[in-house]
Amino acid sequence: MDAPTREWTVAGGLVETDAGLLLVQNRRRGGSLDWSPPGGVIDTTDASVIAGLTREVEEETGLVVREWEGPVYEVRAVAPDLGWIMHCEVYRAVSFEGALRLEDPDGIVVAAAFVPSLECAALLLDCPPWVREPLAEWIEHRWNHEAPRGFHFSVRGTEPTELRVERVQHP
């Protein structure tokens, strides 16, 4: 009998200043590090995806987003061998306030920086393709929430270092 599939929703925030796009460095299980936009799992106690995203960004970076637009893009990654399906909504911050500070209660975020667009690709090399590819396309093409895009990935395998990730057409 197959194990039940775990499904969850994640939200990511595109927060920019003249200095660049906000990225956070995450310490993953096993000690590996990767960079991504701030965000995280939307809890069942969050009133909405936006409420959860706002909470996550503030917890991870100290910044309080007052207004979001989007989603700008959505990602669905399906990993049947690992028994999970992840849905991610990515929003763009329209207005925010505060100063960067690292006090992540989950202890995952270990650094944060506004990164110039041309330097983002190098930092994103170690993050999963379902994070890296949509973000790289958004950085290059800068579409807005009025024409959101969808990205779908199939993740096969059971060992984190040997996963086969394929971008697939929308089913």
Protein backbone atom coordinates (compact mmCIF):
# COMPACT_ATOMS: atom_id res chain seq x y z
CA MET A 1 0.00 0.00 0.00
CA ASP A 2 1.34 3.41 -0.95
CA ALA A 3 2.04 6.00 1.73
CA PRO A 4 -0.36 8.93 1.68
CA THR A 5 0.73 11.95 -0.29
CA ARG A 6 1.58 15.02 1.78
CA GLU A 7 0.46 18.30 0.19
CA TRP A 8 1.34 21.78 1.32
CA THR A 9 1.32 25.39 0.16
CA VAL A 10 4.36 27.62 0.26
CA ALA A 11 4.53 31.34 -0.55
CA GLY A 12 7.50 33.37 -1.67
CA GLY A 13 8.03 37.12 -1.69
CA LEU A 14 9.75 39.21 -4.34
CA VAL A 15 10.97 42.21 -2.33
CA GLU A 16 13.12 44.75 -4.17
CA THR A 17 14.94 48.00 -3.58
CA ASP A 18 17.36 49.93 -5.78
CA ALA A 19 20.06 47.65 -4.31
CA GLY A 20 18.44 44.52 -5.72
CA LEU A 21 16.18 41.57 -4.95
CA LEU A 22 15.97 40.30 -1.38
CA LEU A 23 17.33 36.77 -1.02
CA VAL A 24 17.75 34.75 2.15
CA GLN A 25 20.26 32.00 2.80
CA ASN A 26 18.69 28.87 4.27
CA ARG A 27 20.37 26.09 6.25
CA ARG A 28 18.71 22.83 5.19
CA ARG A 29 18.58 19.44 6.85
CA GLY A 30 22.03 17.93 6.65
CA GLY A 31 23.66 21.36 6.87
CA SER A 32 23.56 22.38 3.18
CA LEU A 33 22.95 26.02 2.33
CA ASP A 34 20.95 27.63 -0.46
CA TRP A 35 19.54 31.05 -1.34
CA SER A 36 15.92 31.85 -2.21
CA PRO A 37 13.38 34.64 -1.86
CA PRO A 38 11.97 34.89 1.67
CA GLY A 39 8.81 32.97 2.44
CA GLY A 40 7.75 29.60 3.69
CA VAL A 41 5.03 27.13 4.46
CA ILE A 42 1.55 28.57 4.91
CA ASP A 43 0.17 27.33 8.22
CA THR A 44 -3.41 26.20 8.72
CA THR A 45 -3.69 29.01 11.28
CA ASP A 46 -2.85 31.68 8.67
CA ALA A 47 -5.95 33.59 7.56
CA SER A 48 -4.76 33.50 3.93
CA VAL A 49 -1.72 32.86 1.77
CA ILE A 50 -0.93 36.60 1.89
CA ALA A 51 -1.20 36.62 5.70
CA GLY A 52 1.15 33.64 5.92
CA LEU A 53 3.62 35.19 3.46
CA THR A 54 3.61 38.48 5.36
CA ARG A 55 4.28 36.57 8.61
CA GLU A 56 7.09 34.52 7.05
CA VAL A 57 8.85 37.55 5.52
CA GLU A 58 8.72 39.44 8.81
CA GLU A 59 9.94 36.41 10.81
CA GLU A 60 12.83 35.77 8.42
CA THR A 61 13.93 39.31 7.61
CA GLY A 62 12.34 41.83 9.96
CA LEU A 63 10.66 43.59 7.01
CA VAL A 64 6.93 44.28 7.21
CA VAL A 65 5.21 44.16 3.82
CA ARG A 66 2.18 46.43 3.73
CA GLU A 67 0.97 45.54 0.24
CA TRP A 68 1.47 42.61 -2.13
CA GLU A 69 0.48 42.07 -5.75
CA GLY A 70 0.00 38.76 -7.41
CA PRO A 71 0.58 35.99 -7.49
CA VAL A 72 3.18 36.83 -10.12
CA TYR A 73 3.80 33.13 -10.69
CA GLU A 74 2.87 29.77 -9.25
CA VAL A 75 4.88 26.57 -9.00
CA ARG A 76 3.70 22.99 -8.57
CA ALA A 77 6.25 20.27 -7.83
CA VAL A 78 5.09 16.66 -7.62
CA ALA A 79 7.39 14.07 -6.02
CA PRO A 80 5.51 10.73 -6.03
CA ASP A 81 8.53 8.69 -4.91
CA LEU A 82 8.89 10.94 -1.85
CA GLY A 83 5.12 11.19 -1.30
CA TRP A 84 4.67 14.93 -1.59
CA ILE A 85 3.12 17.68 -3.70
CA MET A 86 4.18 21.29 -3.16
CA HIS A 87 2.25 24.28 -4.43
CA CYS A 88 3.94 27.69 -4.26
CA GLU A 89 2.50 31.14 -4.88
CA VAL A 90 4.99 33.97 -5.43
CA TYR A 91 3.94 37.57 -4.82
CA ARG A 92 5.70 40.90 -5.37
CA ALA A 93 5.92 43.40 -2.52
CA VAL A 94 4.48 46.78 -3.50
CA SER A 95 5.28 48.53 -0.22
CA PHE A 96 7.24 47.50 2.86
CA GLU A 97 9.09 49.01 5.81
CA GLY A 98 11.67 48.13 8.39
CA ALA A 99 15.32 47.14 8.39
CA LEU A 100 16.85 43.74 7.69
CA ARG A 101 17.39 41.67 10.81
CA LEU A 102 17.87 37.95 11.23
CA GLU A 103 15.78 36.45 13.98
CA ASP A 104 14.17 33.48 12.21
CA PRO A 105 12.31 31.52 14.92
CA ASP A 106 12.76 28.35 12.85
CA GLY A 107 16.54 28.83 12.73
CA ILE A 108 16.60 28.20 8.97
CA VAL A 109 17.50 31.65 7.62
CA VAL A 110 21.15 32.43 8.36
CA ALA A 111 21.73 35.44 6.06
CA ALA A 112 19.77 37.98 4.02
CA ALA A 113 20.80 40.52 1.42
CA PHE A 114 19.47 42.69 -1.37
CA VAL A 115 21.27 41.21 -4.38
CA PRO A 116 21.70 42.96 -7.75
CA SER A 117 19.80 41.09 -10.49
CA LEU A 118 22.96 40.18 -12.36
CA GLU A 119 24.37 38.47 -9.25
CA CYS A 120 21.26 36.43 -8.37
CA ALA A 121 21.92 33.53 -10.79
CA ALA A 122 25.19 32.60 -9.09
CA LEU A 123 23.54 32.49 -5.65
CA LEU A 124 20.61 30.41 -6.91
CA LEU A 125 22.75 27.54 -8.26
CA ASP A 126 22.29 25.41 -5.13
CA CYS A 127 18.54 25.80 -4.74
CA PRO A 128 16.11 23.30 -6.28
CA PRO A 129 15.18 23.79 -9.96
CA TRP A 130 11.56 24.48 -8.97
CA VAL A 131 12.83 27.56 -7.12
CA ARG A 132 15.72 28.57 -9.40
CA GLU A 133 14.14 28.33 -12.85
CA PRO A 134 10.92 30.33 -12.32
CA LEU A 135 12.79 33.02 -10.35
CA ALA A 136 15.50 33.30 -13.02
CA GLU A 137 12.84 33.72 -15.71
CA TRP A 138 11.04 36.38 -13.68
CA ILE A 139 14.32 38.28 -13.10
CA GLU A 140 15.00 38.20 -16.85
CA HIS A 141 11.51 39.02 -18.15
CA ARG A 142 9.81 40.90 -15.28
CA TRP A 143 6.20 40.07 -16.09
CA ASN A 144 3.59 41.31 -13.63
CA HIS A 145 0.67 39.88 -11.73
CA GLU A 146 -1.75 40.73 -14.53
CA ALA A 147 -0.17 37.96 -16.64
CA PRO A 148 0.88 35.35 -14.03
CA ARG A 149 2.79 32.28 -15.15
CA GLY A 150 2.66 28.69 -13.99
CA PHE A 151 5.56 26.28 -13.64
CA HIS A 152 5.21 22.53 -13.14
CA PHE A 153 7.93 20.08 -12.12
CA SER A 154 8.12 16.31 -11.76
CA VAL A 155 10.54 15.17 -9.07
CA ARG A 156 11.63 11.51 -9.20
CA GLY A 157 13.84 9.53 -6.85
CA THR A 158 14.19 9.14 -3.12
CA GLU A 159 17.72 10.35 -2.36
CA PRO A 160 18.06 14.16 -2.10
CA THR A 161 21.41 14.16 -3.91
CA GLU A 162 20.10 12.02 -6.77
CA LEU A 163 16.69 13.52 -7.54
CA ARG A 164 15.72 13.81 -11.20
CA VAL A 165 13.75 17.01 -11.71
CA GLU A 166 11.97 17.66 -14.99
CA ARG A 167 9.97 20.70 -15.98
CA VAL A 168 6.70 19.53 -17.51
CA GLN A 169 3.89 21.14 -19.41
CA HIS A 170 0.76 22.03 -17.46
CA PRO A 171 -1.38 18.88 -17.25
